Amino acid sequence: MSENGKSPTPSWQPLAYAVILILGVYIGLQTGGGSSNGLNMVGPRSALNGVLDRVEQTYVDPVVREELEQVALDAVLEKLDPHSLFISAEELAALAEPMEGNFEGIGVEFIIQQDTLMVVAAIPGGPSEKAGVRAGDRILTVDSVAISGSDLTNQRVMELLKGPRNTTVVVGLDRADTVKHVLLRRDRIPIHSVVCAANLDGQRGYIKVIRFAQNTAEEFELAMETLAEQGLSEVIVDLRGNGGGYLNAVVPMVESFLEADDLVVYTEGEHVPRRTYKARNDGRWKDWDVAVLVDESSASASEIFAGAIQDHDRGPIIGRRTFGKGLVQEEFSIATLGALRLTVARFYTPTGRAIQRPYGEGVDYGDDYFARYERGELFHQDSIATIDSLTYVTPAGKVVHGAGGITPDVFVALDTVRWSGYLSDLSWTGTLRDAAFAYVDANRAEAERQAQSAGEGLESDALLTFLIEYAEGEGILPPAEWTEAERSELSDRMAAQVIRNLAGEQAYYTFLTQGDDAIERAAYWLENKSRMGIVDGRLTLQ
């Protein structure tokens, strides 16, 4: 109770009332209602500003205008589509780094373990690697500022270690109980999109792409050249889990598999005229056989790539139906506040398919994954949701579907063993990652020898025992009963993380290709490409 005997006004009420007032005026103007009340309401924008001015100048309690503007913006954008949004300046900077393909700092991957900052890896070519910083080092000080302790956070670490190019920082490293101070000059640190290019079996290669950023097309070309130098002429492109990115990154990648003038994609909107993207020349890899791996998390640019390969009958799409994001956003800067990413067009595959899945009133857009799970779509091909009226036909006579992602030619069910409850808990909490690092840290000499042979010699029983004991220490108990398949999957995942810590992303993803059902299916289809044909509109092996 306050001193006057009345309950204090909750702190959120002024903000809520003001936003309701703003939106009420806005909606009233849109429907022809409302009056000026001295606010000089010439139009919706003037009305909003007028209401904000009046609230700011006369409201009974203090308000923060920027907060009101943010709430109003979010409410307006929520009425449009799921991908139009306002991004603050801070969020914009954080999102830009992985898409620009680099950031500026000292170049280390780290984790905070037992209140201590520990180096997981020094990024190749970065300042830390050049100075001899290595996995397992503890960073105790940054420019004489101690950074260990219970208040150590990822945000705090990045504030201290990241900074403009050519600035310097002195880090105090603890390595094997010996403290060493190292002067590091910050530089541009690359963030790679193509994380693996592997020769699977001497006949076909494998490329893993995790995003479509500024440098992705260039990285993909280099990966293809690496495979070509090994005498390969078939490739499996893995886009599972790839949420997309820049249109100008994916278009040249698709072009490289097509012939001159083949359509890659086109975009069109109410206020944006149709724009087509075609292959400018015969692609360098147009004679290669290609298969594409997708899943329910493959979105946007990933769907452009898969859709173009599918529509031109260039190779099988393997996996599960993709996310279904076919909206094009354009970014508009708003002074120092941030940026508006507004949907301005839809993209369409070469056959004319709009890939965007339904949204709007009556559609729980964010619950799509669980809807697929409950419907059985993640496990059974005949449960995939399609709209019969939105079917298209490729030049070879294959039937493809629109308005809901890319439906694969070859279905691969979700591996329930790989995502069992225990393994999911270990993954989502970061316990699996931390346990692998702790294992490497405790067995560094032996682990480094094993890393040279891409994990050969890693004892699965020892890894599993270490992981289970570590997880128990974090309060995550193993199931009372579990199958041998679950134990094997868990030890493989632990081995993969150990390899990642010791040998990097390339070795990690190469290890994970072993026993991967989707990759094995893709390899089988490429091996039997002479038997591929279209029967009743579907791609089959005859």
Protein backbone atom coordinates (compact mmCIF):
# COMPACT_ATOMS: atom_id res chain seq x y z
CA MET A 1 0.00 0.00 0.00
CA SER A 2 1.14 3.57 -0.65
CA GLU A 3 1.18 6.32 1.98
CA ASN A 4 -2.27 7.70 0.94
CA GLY A 5 -3.87 4.35 1.62
CA LYS A 6 -4.52 3.52 -2.06
CA SER A 7 -2.98 0.66 -4.00
CA PRO A 8 -0.17 1.91 -6.24
CA THR A 9 -0.77 1.86 -9.98
CA PRO A 10 1.05 -1.15 -11.54
CA SER A 11 4.07 0.03 -13.54
CA TRP A 12 2.80 -1.52 -16.74
CA GLN A 13 -0.57 0.24 -16.80
CA PRO A 14 0.54 3.64 -18.19
CA LEU A 15 2.24 1.90 -21.07
CA ALA A 16 -0.69 -0.39 -21.73
CA TYR A 17 -3.26 2.41 -21.62
CA ALA A 18 -1.21 4.60 -23.92
CA VAL A 19 -0.71 1.86 -26.48
CA ILE A 20 -4.40 0.99 -26.42
CA LEU A 21 -5.20 4.66 -27.01
CA ILE A 22 -2.77 4.86 -29.94
CA LEU A 23 -4.10 1.72 -31.58
CA GLY A 24 -7.69 2.74 -30.94
CA VAL A 25 -7.19 6.03 -32.76
CA TYR A 26 -5.36 4.26 -35.57
CA ILE A 27 -8.08 1.67 -36.04
CA GLY A 28 -10.76 4.34 -35.82
CA LEU A 29 -9.16 6.31 -38.62
CA GLN A 30 -8.83 3.22 -40.75
CA THR A 31 -12.57 2.52 -40.37
CA GLY A 32 -13.70 6.12 -40.81
CA GLY A 33 -14.42 6.80 -37.14
CA GLY A 34 -12.84 9.07 -34.54
CA SER A 35 -12.41 12.82 -34.24
CA SER A 36 -9.41 15.08 -33.95
CA ASN A 37 -9.86 16.24 -30.35
CA GLY A 38 -7.36 18.98 -31.03
CA LEU A 39 -4.64 16.56 -32.21
CA ASN A 40 -4.54 17.80 -35.82
CA MET A 41 -5.17 14.35 -37.27
CA VAL A 42 -4.47 14.73 -40.96
CA GLY A 43 -3.78 11.04 -41.53
CA PRO A 44 -2.84 7.83 -39.70
CA ARG A 45 0.82 8.83 -39.31
CA SER A 46 -0.14 12.26 -37.98
CA ALA A 47 -2.66 10.64 -35.65
CA LEU A 48 -0.10 8.31 -34.17
CA ASN A 49 2.41 11.10 -33.66
CA GLY A 50 -0.27 13.37 -32.26
CA VAL A 51 -1.41 10.80 -29.73
CA LEU A 52 2.18 10.10 -28.71
CA ASP A 53 2.84 13.81 -28.28
CA ARG A 54 -0.26 14.27 -26.12
CA VAL A 55 0.51 11.19 -23.99
CA GLU A 56 4.10 12.28 -23.52
CA GLN A 57 3.12 15.84 -22.58
CA THR A 58 0.06 15.35 -20.40
CA TYR A 59 -0.21 11.76 -19.12
CA VAL A 60 -0.49 11.37 -15.34
CA ASP A 61 2.61 9.16 -15.02
CA PRO A 62 6.02 9.27 -16.73
CA VAL A 63 6.22 7.37 -20.01
CA VAL A 64 9.08 6.49 -22.34
CA ARG A 65 8.10 7.46 -25.87
CA GLU A 66 10.45 4.94 -27.47
CA GLU A 67 8.74 2.12 -25.60
CA LEU A 68 5.33 3.25 -26.79
CA GLU A 69 6.55 3.48 -30.38
CA GLN A 70 8.00 -0.03 -30.18
CA VAL A 71 4.76 -1.53 -28.86
CA ALA A 72 2.70 0.27 -31.49
CA LEU A 73 5.05 -0.88 -34.25
CA ASP A 74 4.88 -4.47 -33.11
CA ALA A 75 1.09 -4.36 -32.98
CA VAL A 76 0.79 -2.96 -36.52
CA LEU A 77 3.29 -5.44 -37.99
CA GLU A 78 1.54 -8.34 -36.28
CA LYS A 79 -1.47 -7.62 -38.54
CA LEU A 80 0.58 -8.16 -41.70
CA ASP A 81 2.49 -11.44 -42.08
CA PRO A 82 4.73 -13.58 -39.86
CA HIS A 83 8.00 -12.27 -41.31
CA SER A 84 7.52 -8.49 -41.34
CA LEU A 85 9.14 -7.10 -38.21
CA PHE A 86 10.92 -4.18 -36.62
CA ILE A 87 14.48 -4.82 -35.44
CA SER A 88 16.22 -2.59 -32.93
CA ALA A 89 19.68 -1.22 -33.68
CA GLU A 90 21.25 -3.65 -31.20
CA GLU A 91 19.42 -6.67 -32.62
CA LEU A 92 20.27 -5.54 -36.15
CA ALA A 93 23.99 -5.46 -35.38
CA ALA A 94 23.87 -8.94 -33.83
CA LEU A 95 21.95 -10.39 -36.78
CA ALA A 96 24.22 -8.77 -39.36
CA GLU A 97 27.42 -10.52 -38.29
CA PRO A 98 26.69 -14.07 -39.48
CA MET A 99 25.08 -12.78 -42.69
CA GLU A 100 27.96 -10.45 -43.54
CA GLY A 101 30.33 -13.36 -43.13
CA ASN A 102 32.68 -11.81 -40.59
CA PHE A 103 33.05 -9.89 -37.37
CA GLU A 104 35.92 -8.09 -35.69
CA GLY A 105 37.60 -9.57 -32.64
CA ILE A 106 40.36 -11.93 -31.51
CA GLY A 107 38.94 -15.08 -33.12
CA VAL A 108 38.12 -17.65 -30.45
CA GLU A 109 35.21 -19.95 -29.75
CA PHE A 110 34.63 -20.19 -26.02
CA ILE A 111 32.42 -21.60 -23.31
CA ILE A 112 31.98 -20.62 -19.68
CA GLN A 113 32.57 -23.65 -17.49
CA GLN A 114 32.84 -23.62 -13.70
CA ASP A 115 32.87 -19.81 -13.72
CA THR A 116 35.91 -19.82 -16.01
CA LEU A 117 36.27 -18.66 -19.62
CA MET A 118 37.68 -21.57 -21.62
CA VAL A 119 38.83 -21.57 -25.25
CA VAL A 120 37.08 -24.25 -27.30
CA ALA A 121 38.96 -23.41 -30.49
CA ALA A 122 41.03 -20.67 -32.09
CA ILE A 123 39.44 -19.77 -35.42
CA PRO A 124 41.82 -20.61 -38.29
CA GLY A 125 43.57 -17.53 -39.65
CA GLY A 126 42.46 -15.33 -36.77
CA PRO A 127 44.69 -13.38 -34.36
CA SER A 128 44.42 -15.95 -31.57
CA GLU A 129 45.52 -18.86 -33.74
CA LYS A 130 48.44 -16.84 -35.09
CA ALA A 131 49.50 -16.01 -31.52
CA GLY A 132 49.40 -19.65 -30.42
CA VAL A 133 46.16 -19.60 -28.42
CA ARG A 134 44.70 -23.11 -28.43
CA ALA A 135 41.77 -25.17 -27.22
CA GLY A 136 41.84 -25.73 -23.50
CA ASP A 137 43.45 -22.40 -22.58
CA ARG A 138 41.72 -20.51 -19.75
CA ILE A 139 41.41 -16.76 -20.24
CA LEU A 140 41.80 -15.24 -16.79
CA THR A 141 42.26 -11.55 -17.61
CA VAL A 142 41.55 -9.13 -20.42
CA ASP A 143 43.69 -5.96 -20.27
CA SER A 144 44.38 -6.76 -16.59
CA VAL A 145 40.64 -7.07 -15.83
CA ALA A 146 39.86 -10.38 -14.11
CA ILE A 147 36.93 -12.08 -15.84
CA SER A 148 36.38 -15.30 -13.91
CA GLY A 149 33.62 -15.66 -11.34
CA SER A 150 29.93 -16.36 -10.95
CA ASP A 151 28.97 -13.08 -12.67
CA LEU A 152 30.77 -14.01 -15.90
CA THR A 153 28.38 -13.99 -18.89
CA ASN A 154 28.68 -14.44 -22.64
CA GLN A 155 27.70 -10.80 -23.11
CA ARG A 156 30.44 -9.65 -20.77
CA VAL A 157 33.03 -11.76 -22.57
CA MET A 158 32.08 -10.39 -25.97
CA GLU A 159 32.16 -6.82 -24.72
CA LEU A 160 35.76 -7.36 -23.61
CA LEU A 161 37.10 -9.44 -26.50
CA LYS A 162 35.33 -8.00 -29.54
CA GLY A 163 36.34 -4.61 -30.88
CA PRO A 164 37.38 -2.62 -33.94
CA ARG A 165 39.98 -3.99 -36.29
CA ASN A 166 43.64 -3.14 -35.45
CA THR A 167 42.90 -2.36 -31.79
CA THR A 168 44.87 -4.44 -29.31
CA VAL A 169 44.07 -6.42 -26.20
CA VAL A 170 46.25 -8.33 -23.74
CA VAL A 171 44.81 -11.63 -22.50
CA GLY A 172 46.13 -13.59 -19.58
CA LEU A 173 46.07 -17.32 -20.36
CA ASP A 174 46.25 -20.20 -17.91
CA ARG A 175 47.70 -23.25 -19.66
CA ALA A 176 48.65 -26.25 -17.56
CA ASP A 177 48.80 -24.06 -14.43
CA THR A 178 51.18 -21.62 -16.12
CA VAL A 179 49.96 -18.05 -16.71
CA LYS A 180 51.03 -16.36 -19.93
CA HIS A 181 50.12 -12.88 -21.20
CA VAL A 182 49.55 -12.54 -24.95
CA LEU A 183 49.13 -9.35 -26.98
CA LEU A 184 46.47 -9.77 -29.67
CA ARG A 185 45.60 -7.35 -32.46
CA ARG A 186 41.93 -7.62 -33.37
CA ASP A 187 41.07 -8.38 -36.99
CA ARG A 188 38.21 -9.47 -39.23
CA ILE A 189 37.18 -12.99 -38.29
CA PRO A 190 35.48 -15.06 -41.00
CA ILE A 191 32.14 -16.74 -40.32
CA HIS A 192 31.79 -19.62 -42.75
CA SER A 193 28.57 -20.82 -44.36
CA VAL A 194 29.97 -23.89 -46.10
CA VAL A 195 31.24 -25.95 -43.19
CA CYS A 196 32.08 -29.22 -44.90
CA ALA A 197 33.21 -30.47 -48.31
CA ALA A 198 33.95 -34.18 -48.10
CA ASN A 199 34.74 -37.03 -50.47
CA LEU A 200 32.28 -39.67 -49.31
CA ASP A 201 33.29 -42.75 -51.22
CA GLY A 202 35.56 -41.84 -54.13
CA GLN A 203 32.56 -41.35 -56.41
CA ARG A 204 30.49 -38.59 -54.89
CA GLY A 205 31.05 -35.63 -52.63
CA TYR A 206 29.14 -33.99 -49.81
CA ILE A 207 28.73 -30.27 -49.06
CA LYS A 208 27.06 -28.88 -45.95
CA VAL A 209 25.69 -25.31 -46.18
CA ILE A 210 24.32 -23.82 -42.94
CA ARG A 211 23.26 -20.34 -44.15
CA PHE A 212 23.15 -18.13 -47.26
CA ALA A 213 25.32 -15.11 -46.45
CA GLN A 214 27.43 -12.67 -48.46
CA ASN A 215 30.31 -15.12 -48.92
CA THR A 216 28.30 -18.33 -49.33
CA ALA A 217 28.35 -18.53 -53.14
CA GLU A 218 32.12 -18.03 -53.18
CA GLU A 219 32.64 -20.63 -50.45
CA PHE A 220 30.38 -23.08 -52.30
CA GLU A 221 32.34 -22.64 -55.51
CA LEU A 222 35.60 -23.35 -53.69
CA ALA A 223 34.05 -26.46 -52.11
CA MET A 224 32.93 -27.72 -55.52
CA GLU A 225 36.41 -27.12 -56.91
CA THR A 226 37.86 -29.15 -54.05
CA LEU A 227 35.62 -32.08 -54.95
CA ALA A 228 36.35 -31.71 -58.68
CA GLU A 229 40.09 -31.83 -58.01
CA GLN A 230 39.52 -35.24 -56.44
CA GLY A 231 37.95 -36.54 -59.65
CA LEU A 232 34.33 -36.47 -58.47
CA SER A 233 31.32 -35.56 -60.60
CA GLU A 234 28.41 -36.13 -58.19
CA VAL A 235 27.50 -34.10 -55.12
CA ILE A 236 25.03 -34.23 -52.24
CA VAL A 237 24.15 -30.71 -51.06
CA ASP A 238 22.93 -30.73 -47.46
CA LEU A 239 20.53 -27.88 -46.62
CA ARG A 240 18.93 -29.49 -43.57
CA GLY A 241 18.47 -26.95 -40.81
CA ASN A 242 19.44 -24.09 -43.14
CA GLY A 243 17.01 -21.24 -42.47
CA GLY A 244 18.01 -19.28 -45.58
CA GLY A 245 19.49 -15.83 -46.06
CA TYR A 246 20.36 -13.64 -49.01
CA LEU A 247 18.75 -14.14 -52.42
CA ASN A 248 21.93 -12.95 -54.14
CA ALA A 249 23.83 -15.76 -52.42
CA VAL A 250 21.64 -18.63 -53.57
CA VAL A 251 21.06 -17.53 -57.19
CA PRO A 252 24.67 -18.04 -58.40
CA MET A 253 24.79 -21.40 -56.61
CA VAL A 254 21.71 -22.60 -58.50
CA GLU A 255 23.02 -21.10 -61.75
CA SER A 256 26.11 -23.28 -61.54
CA PHE A 257 23.95 -26.41 -62.02
CA LEU A 258 21.76 -25.06 -64.84
CA GLU A 259 22.06 -24.17 -68.51
CA ALA A 260 22.05 -20.62 -69.87
CA ASP A 261 18.67 -18.84 -69.64
CA ASP A 262 17.20 -21.44 -67.28
CA LEU A 263 14.95 -19.71 -64.75
CA VAL A 264 16.22 -19.83 -61.16
CA VAL A 265 13.44 -17.93 -59.37
CA TYR A 266 11.20 -14.91 -59.80
CA THR A 267 9.70 -12.45 -57.32
CA GLU A 268 6.54 -10.36 -57.49
CA GLY A 269 4.36 -8.29 -55.16
CA GLU A 270 1.47 -5.83 -55.15
CA HIS A 271 3.84 -2.86 -55.42
CA VAL A 272 6.91 -4.69 -56.76
CA PRO A 273 6.92 -5.67 -60.43
CA ARG A 274 7.95 -9.16 -61.45
CA ARG A 275 11.70 -9.70 -61.43
CA THR A 276 13.22 -12.83 -62.91
CA TYR A 277 16.57 -14.41 -62.12
CA LYS A 278 17.96 -16.59 -64.89
CA ALA A 279 21.21 -18.46 -65.41
CA ARG A 280 23.47 -16.06 -67.26
CA ASN A 281 25.63 -18.80 -68.79
CA ASP A 282 25.94 -22.55 -68.82
CA GLY A 283 26.76 -23.49 -65.25
CA ARG A 284 30.19 -24.82 -64.44
CA TRP A 285 28.64 -27.87 -62.76
CA LYS A 286 25.70 -28.41 -65.13
CA ASP A 287 26.94 -31.91 -66.01
CA TRP A 288 27.27 -32.98 -62.39
CA ASP A 289 24.65 -35.21 -60.82
CA VAL A 290 23.21 -33.58 -57.73
CA ALA A 291 20.95 -34.55 -54.83
CA VAL A 292 19.65 -32.09 -52.23
CA LEU A 293 18.88 -32.88 -48.59
CA VAL A 294 16.13 -30.84 -46.86
CA ASP A 295 13.98 -31.01 -43.76
CA GLU A 296 11.30 -29.03 -41.94
CA SER A 297 13.88 -26.39 -40.93
CA SER A 298 15.10 -25.72 -44.48
CA ALA A 299 13.62 -22.34 -45.39
CA SER A 300 13.71 -19.36 -47.74
CA ALA A 301 16.91 -19.47 -49.83
CA SER A 302 17.20 -23.21 -49.12
CA GLU A 303 13.78 -23.63 -50.71
CA ILE A 304 14.81 -21.55 -53.71
CA PHE A 305 17.78 -23.86 -54.25
CA ALA A 306 15.80 -27.07 -53.77
CA GLY A 307 12.83 -25.78 -55.78
CA ALA A 308 14.95 -24.85 -58.80
CA ILE A 309 16.81 -28.18 -58.78
CA GLN A 310 13.50 -30.02 -58.52
CA ASP A 311 11.65 -27.96 -61.15
CA HIS A 312 14.44 -28.42 -63.69
CA ASP A 313 14.60 -32.17 -63.01
CA ARG A 314 18.27 -31.87 -62.10
CA GLY A 315 18.22 -34.37 -59.27
CA PRO A 316 16.23 -35.81 -56.37
CA ILE A 317 15.18 -33.76 -53.35
CA ILE A 318 15.53 -36.02 -50.32
CA GLY A 319 14.20 -35.66 -46.78
CA ARG A 320 11.04 -34.04 -45.41
CA ARG A 321 8.83 -31.14 -46.50
CA THR A 322 10.56 -27.81 -46.05
CA PHE A 323 9.49 -24.92 -43.81
CA GLY A 324 7.47 -22.97 -46.38
CA LYS A 325 8.83 -19.40 -46.31
CA GLY A 326 8.30 -17.78 -49.68
CA LEU A 327 8.11 -14.13 -48.67
CA VAL A 328 10.72 -11.55 -49.64
CA GLN A 329 11.64 -8.89 -47.09
CA GLU A 330 13.19 -5.53 -47.84
CA GLU A 331 14.99 -3.64 -45.11
CA PHE A 332 14.21 0.02 -44.44
CA SER A 333 16.38 1.95 -41.97
CA ILE A 334 14.57 4.02 -39.34
CA ALA A 335 16.95 6.72 -38.13
CA THR A 336 18.96 5.42 -35.18
CA LEU A 337 16.16 3.15 -33.95
CA GLY A 338 16.90 0.14 -36.15
CA ALA A 339 15.25 -1.18 -39.28
CA LEU A 340 11.89 -2.31 -40.63
CA ARG A 341 11.99 -5.62 -42.49
CA LEU A 342 8.84 -5.47 -44.56
CA THR A 343 7.52 -8.18 -46.84
CA VAL A 344 7.32 -6.70 -50.34
CA ALA A 345 7.00 -9.74 -52.61
CA ARG A 346 6.67 -13.49 -52.88
CA PHE A 347 9.17 -15.71 -54.60
CA TYR A 348 8.14 -18.34 -57.12
CA THR A 349 10.03 -21.40 -58.35
CA PRO A 350 10.60 -21.98 -62.09
CA THR A 351 7.29 -23.86 -62.50
CA GLY A 352 5.44 -20.95 -60.86
CA ARG A 353 5.05 -22.39 -57.36
CA ALA A 354 4.59 -20.04 -54.43
CA ILE A 355 6.29 -21.83 -51.55
CA GLN A 356 4.88 -19.73 -48.69
CA ARG A 357 2.67 -21.80 -46.41
CA PRO A 358 -0.65 -20.39 -45.20
CA TYR A 359 -0.79 -17.76 -42.45
CA GLY A 360 -3.32 -15.35 -41.04
CA GLU A 361 -6.53 -15.65 -39.08
CA GLY A 362 -7.23 -19.15 -37.85
CA VAL A 363 -3.70 -20.39 -38.60
CA ASP A 364 -1.26 -21.07 -35.76
CA TYR A 365 1.82 -20.27 -37.82
CA GLY A 366 4.29 -20.85 -35.00
CA ASP A 367 2.86 -24.28 -34.18
CA ASP A 368 3.49 -25.79 -37.61
CA TYR A 369 6.20 -28.23 -36.48
CA PHE A 370 3.98 -29.74 -33.79
CA ALA A 371 1.08 -29.92 -36.23
CA ARG A 372 3.27 -31.92 -38.60
CA TYR A 373 4.37 -34.14 -35.74
CA GLU A 374 0.83 -34.83 -34.58
CA ARG A 375 -0.38 -35.42 -38.13
CA GLY A 376 2.40 -38.00 -38.63
CA GLU A 377 3.99 -36.09 -41.49
CA LEU A 378 7.48 -36.35 -39.99
CA PHE A 379 7.23 -40.15 -40.08
CA HIS A 380 4.99 -41.05 -43.02
CA GLN A 381 5.08 -39.71 -46.56
CA ASP A 382 1.35 -40.17 -47.12
CA SER A 383 0.67 -37.73 -44.23
CA ILE A 384 2.33 -34.79 -45.97
CA ALA A 385 -0.10 -31.88 -46.31
CA THR A 386 -0.55 -30.77 -49.91
CA ILE A 387 -3.13 -28.70 -51.76
CA ASP A 388 -4.35 -30.60 -54.82
CA SER A 389 -5.40 -27.42 -56.62
CA LEU A 390 -1.85 -26.05 -56.42
CA THR A 391 0.02 -28.63 -58.46
CA TYR A 392 2.53 -27.97 -61.21
CA VAL A 393 4.41 -30.12 -63.69
CA THR A 394 8.13 -30.08 -64.46
CA PRO A 395 9.52 -30.46 -68.01
CA ALA A 396 10.02 -34.20 -67.41
CA GLY A 397 6.41 -34.63 -66.25
CA LYS A 398 6.96 -34.73 -62.49
CA VAL A 399 4.12 -33.31 -60.37
CA VAL A 400 5.21 -30.78 -57.74
CA HIS A 401 3.18 -28.90 -55.14
CA GLY A 402 2.98 -25.26 -54.07
CA ALA A 403 1.80 -23.21 -51.07
CA GLY A 404 3.53 -25.18 -48.36
CA GLY A 405 7.26 -25.69 -48.83
CA ILE A 406 9.12 -28.10 -51.07
CA THR A 407 7.81 -31.66 -50.92
CA PRO A 408 10.72 -34.09 -51.36
CA ASP A 409 10.94 -36.65 -54.14
CA VAL A 410 12.35 -39.19 -51.69
CA PHE A 411 10.94 -39.17 -48.17
CA VAL A 412 13.14 -39.84 -45.13
CA ALA A 413 11.36 -40.19 -41.79
CA LEU A 414 12.51 -38.36 -38.68
CA ASP A 415 14.95 -40.52 -36.71
CA THR A 416 13.30 -40.92 -33.31
CA VAL A 417 16.42 -42.56 -31.89
CA ARG A 418 18.54 -39.56 -32.81
CA TRP A 419 16.12 -37.23 -31.05
CA SER A 420 15.12 -39.30 -28.03
CA GLY A 421 14.17 -37.42 -24.88
CA TYR A 422 17.48 -37.97 -23.09
CA LEU A 423 19.60 -36.96 -26.08
CA SER A 424 17.40 -33.93 -26.69
CA ASP A 425 17.85 -32.82 -23.10
CA LEU A 426 21.62 -33.17 -23.39
CA SER A 427 21.67 -31.22 -26.66
CA TRP A 428 19.29 -28.37 -25.82
CA THR A 429 20.84 -27.68 -22.43
CA GLY A 430 24.38 -27.61 -23.87
CA THR A 431 25.41 -30.47 -21.62
CA LEU A 432 26.60 -32.63 -24.52
CA ARG A 433 28.82 -29.82 -25.81
CA ASP A 434 30.21 -29.05 -22.36
CA ALA A 435 30.84 -32.72 -21.56
CA ALA A 436 32.79 -33.17 -24.78
CA PHE A 437 34.96 -30.19 -23.97
CA ALA A 438 35.52 -31.44 -20.42
CA TYR A 439 36.54 -34.85 -21.83
CA VAL A 440 39.04 -33.28 -24.21
CA ASP A 441 40.37 -31.04 -21.46
CA ALA A 442 40.89 -34.00 -19.12
CA ASN A 443 42.43 -36.26 -21.79
CA ARG A 444 44.12 -33.73 -24.07
CA ALA A 445 47.26 -35.61 -25.09
CA GLU A 446 45.40 -38.80 -25.97
CA ALA A 447 42.48 -36.94 -27.57
CA GLU A 448 44.78 -34.92 -29.83
CA ARG A 449 46.38 -38.12 -31.10
CA GLN A 450 42.93 -39.51 -31.84
CA ALA A 451 41.89 -36.33 -33.63
CA GLN A 452 44.60 -36.81 -36.22
CA SER A 453 42.73 -39.90 -37.43
CA ALA A 454 39.29 -38.23 -37.44
CA GLY A 455 38.19 -39.97 -34.27
CA GLU A 456 39.56 -43.45 -34.89
CA GLY A 457 40.56 -44.92 -31.57
CA LEU A 458 37.98 -43.02 -29.54
CA GLU A 459 36.59 -45.51 -27.05
CA SER A 460 32.80 -45.36 -27.27
CA ASP A 461 32.28 -46.94 -23.85
CA ALA A 462 34.65 -44.47 -22.22
CA LEU A 463 32.96 -41.55 -23.96
CA LEU A 464 29.51 -42.72 -22.96
CA THR A 465 30.48 -43.30 -19.35
CA PHE A 466 32.10 -39.86 -19.14
CA LEU A 467 29.03 -38.20 -20.66
CA ILE A 468 26.54 -39.96 -18.38
CA GLU A 469 28.54 -39.09 -15.27
CA TYR A 470 28.97 -35.48 -16.38
CA ALA A 471 25.23 -35.17 -17.13
CA GLU A 472 24.33 -36.62 -13.74
CA GLY A 473 26.47 -33.90 -12.18
CA GLU A 474 24.28 -31.39 -14.04
CA GLY A 475 21.10 -33.03 -12.79
CA ILE A 476 20.23 -34.88 -16.03
CA LEU A 477 19.72 -38.58 -15.30
CA PRO A 478 19.83 -41.34 -17.94
CA PRO A 479 16.65 -43.30 -18.69
CA ALA A 480 15.99 -46.39 -16.59
CA GLU A 481 15.88 -48.43 -19.79
CA TRP A 482 17.26 -47.62 -23.19
CA THR A 483 18.04 -49.50 -26.36
CA GLU A 484 21.43 -50.33 -27.79
CA ALA A 485 20.59 -48.06 -30.72
CA GLU A 486 20.09 -45.14 -28.34
CA ARG A 487 23.37 -45.84 -26.56
CA SER A 488 25.20 -46.09 -29.87
CA GLU A 489 23.69 -42.83 -31.12
CA LEU A 490 24.63 -41.06 -27.92
CA SER A 491 28.25 -42.23 -28.00
CA ASP A 492 28.49 -41.21 -31.67
CA ARG A 493 27.20 -37.74 -30.83
CA MET A 494 29.71 -37.45 -28.01
CA ALA A 495 32.50 -38.60 -30.34
CA ALA A 496 31.40 -36.03 -32.93
CA GLN A 497 31.59 -33.21 -30.38
CA VAL A 498 35.03 -34.35 -29.24
CA ILE A 499 36.22 -34.34 -32.85
CA ARG A 500 34.72 -30.89 -33.37
CA ASN A 501 36.70 -29.53 -30.40
CA LEU A 502 39.91 -31.06 -31.64
CA ALA A 503 39.73 -30.89 -35.41
CA GLY A 504 37.05 -28.35 -36.36
CA GLU A 505 33.80 -28.22 -38.32
CA GLN A 506 35.00 -30.10 -41.40
CA ALA A 507 36.00 -33.14 -39.38
CA TYR A 508 32.84 -32.91 -37.27
CA TYR A 509 30.43 -32.93 -40.20
CA THR A 510 32.44 -35.56 -42.06
CA PHE A 511 32.13 -37.84 -39.03
CA LEU A 512 28.37 -37.24 -38.88
CA THR A 513 27.92 -38.43 -42.49
CA GLN A 514 28.57 -41.97 -41.27
CA GLY A 515 25.31 -43.84 -40.83
CA ASP A 516 23.19 -40.84 -41.86
CA ASP A 517 20.07 -42.32 -43.47
CA ALA A 518 19.36 -39.32 -45.72
CA ILE A 519 22.93 -39.26 -47.05
CA GLU A 520 22.85 -43.01 -47.67
CA ARG A 521 19.55 -42.65 -49.54
CA ALA A 522 20.96 -39.80 -51.64
CA ALA A 523 24.06 -41.83 -52.47
CA TYR A 524 21.88 -44.78 -53.49
CA TRP A 525 19.77 -42.66 -55.83
CA LEU A 526 22.82 -41.09 -57.44
CA GLU A 527 24.41 -44.49 -57.84
CA ASN A 528 21.28 -45.68 -59.64
CA LYS A 529 20.65 -42.51 -61.63
CA SER A 530 20.35 -44.50 -64.88
CA ARG A 531 17.17 -46.08 -63.47
CA MET A 532 15.49 -42.80 -62.51
CA GLY A 533 12.21 -42.05 -64.24
CA ILE A 534 8.80 -40.44 -63.82
CA VAL A 535 5.81 -42.71 -63.18
CA ASP A 536 2.37 -41.19 -62.53
CA GLY A 537 4.01 -37.84 -61.88
CA ARG A 538 6.46 -39.15 -59.28
CA LEU A 539 10.21 -39.69 -59.43
CA THR A 540 10.98 -43.40 -59.13
CA LEU A 541 13.72 -45.93 -59.72
CA GLN A 542 12.60 -48.20 -62.56
